[in-house]
Amino acid sequence: MPETISVQDLVEVYSDGTKAVDGISFEVNEGEFFGFLGPNGAGKSTTIKVLTTLLRKTAGKISVAGFDIEKHPEEIRRVIGVQSQETVVDPDLTGRENMMLEGHLHQMSGDGLKKRVDELLTLVGIADVADKRAGHYSGGMKKRLDLASALVHKPKLLFLDEPTTGLDPQSRAAIWGYLSKLNKEEGITIFLTTQYMEEADKLCERLYIIDQGKIVASGTPESLKREVGADSITMTLENSGVATQTKEKAKEVLGAIQGISKVIESDAGITVYARNASLIIADIVRAFDSNKIRLTSVNFASPTLDDVFLQHTGRRIRTEELNTKQTSFARFGARRRPVRQ
């Protein structure tokens, strides 16, 4: 299958010396729904900024849609769509006017542009409010308008940088439906970054898990979860500030219980992995009681992508609701304005 994106040994170092991306390599195939999953600060947004020509790379070799990122940035900008974390709409314009302006910035006009705008307004479910000022839209409606605006010029490749951050579950699910339809029915290649495990699991055909600028795991969501190989049991000890020796004693006790394959301490508590976890919980409670270790909670679940992240990093992904900010008209125009010849 042809590659839409090829990245080899990408490094991005900021002016203060921070290495945001540390030698990552990957490919995205044409028509694929591809994802980066990781916590805030992992390097996801930095990678997208480099791929969309908004940030110059420090080192590495990159091609997007068949174009070298250093030699042909203008050609890349013409064939990509970008939706960033911040909602980029002009609140003083109507939804339709926002999209018409976006089309004009891409040198589109006439009946063709009007038809395209109508199609997209219907696709994202805001046709009934298209002629109301965007400043009166809800957060979910603004996100949908932003997504539609990124699609006006019919991009071959769509970059989505945490597109559902800050949305309620219903709005998030609606956007998932639109994105799945774009990928499956229109064949648009989608590169998604997210900190939401459910989003990555539901949408992505192939997934790279990234942390501190490095790739820590890759594969399909199902194959990554299968690698965990066991159910997880997460427990917290009485009092969050228990002594280190108590935690060490707890891990020692857990390690001696037959059937437990791995013990990991994280900020969420102590997690162990075992087959038939529901049967082993009773053994854990009895062993802790015998050793005067008091539990406040015990939970078990089938493997998730968070378990994959935990096994590779010793930490869990913390999803933090970010404040989405309206940006000015100048920012709106600057973000997607194509390079004119």
Foldseek 3Di string as FASTA:
>chain_A
DAWQKWWFQFWAADPVGQTQAGGDTDTFHQLFAEEEAEAPSQNPVVVVCCQLLNDPTPDTWMDGRNHTCVPCNLVNLLQEFEDAQFLEFAQAAFLLVRLVVLCVLSVDDDPLLVVLSCVLCVLLVNNVRRRPGNNPDDPLVSLSSSVSSSCSSPHQEYEYEASCFQHDPVSVVSVLVSVQCCSPVVSRHYYYYHNDQVSQLPRGQKYFYTGSNYTQDIGGQVVLLVVLVFKKKFWAFPDLPDDPVLLVVLVVLVVPDPFWDDWFQESRGIMTGGHPVVVCVVVSVVSCVVVVTGTDDMDIDRGTVQSSVCVRPSYGHDRDRDDHDYDHPVCSCVPSRRDDD
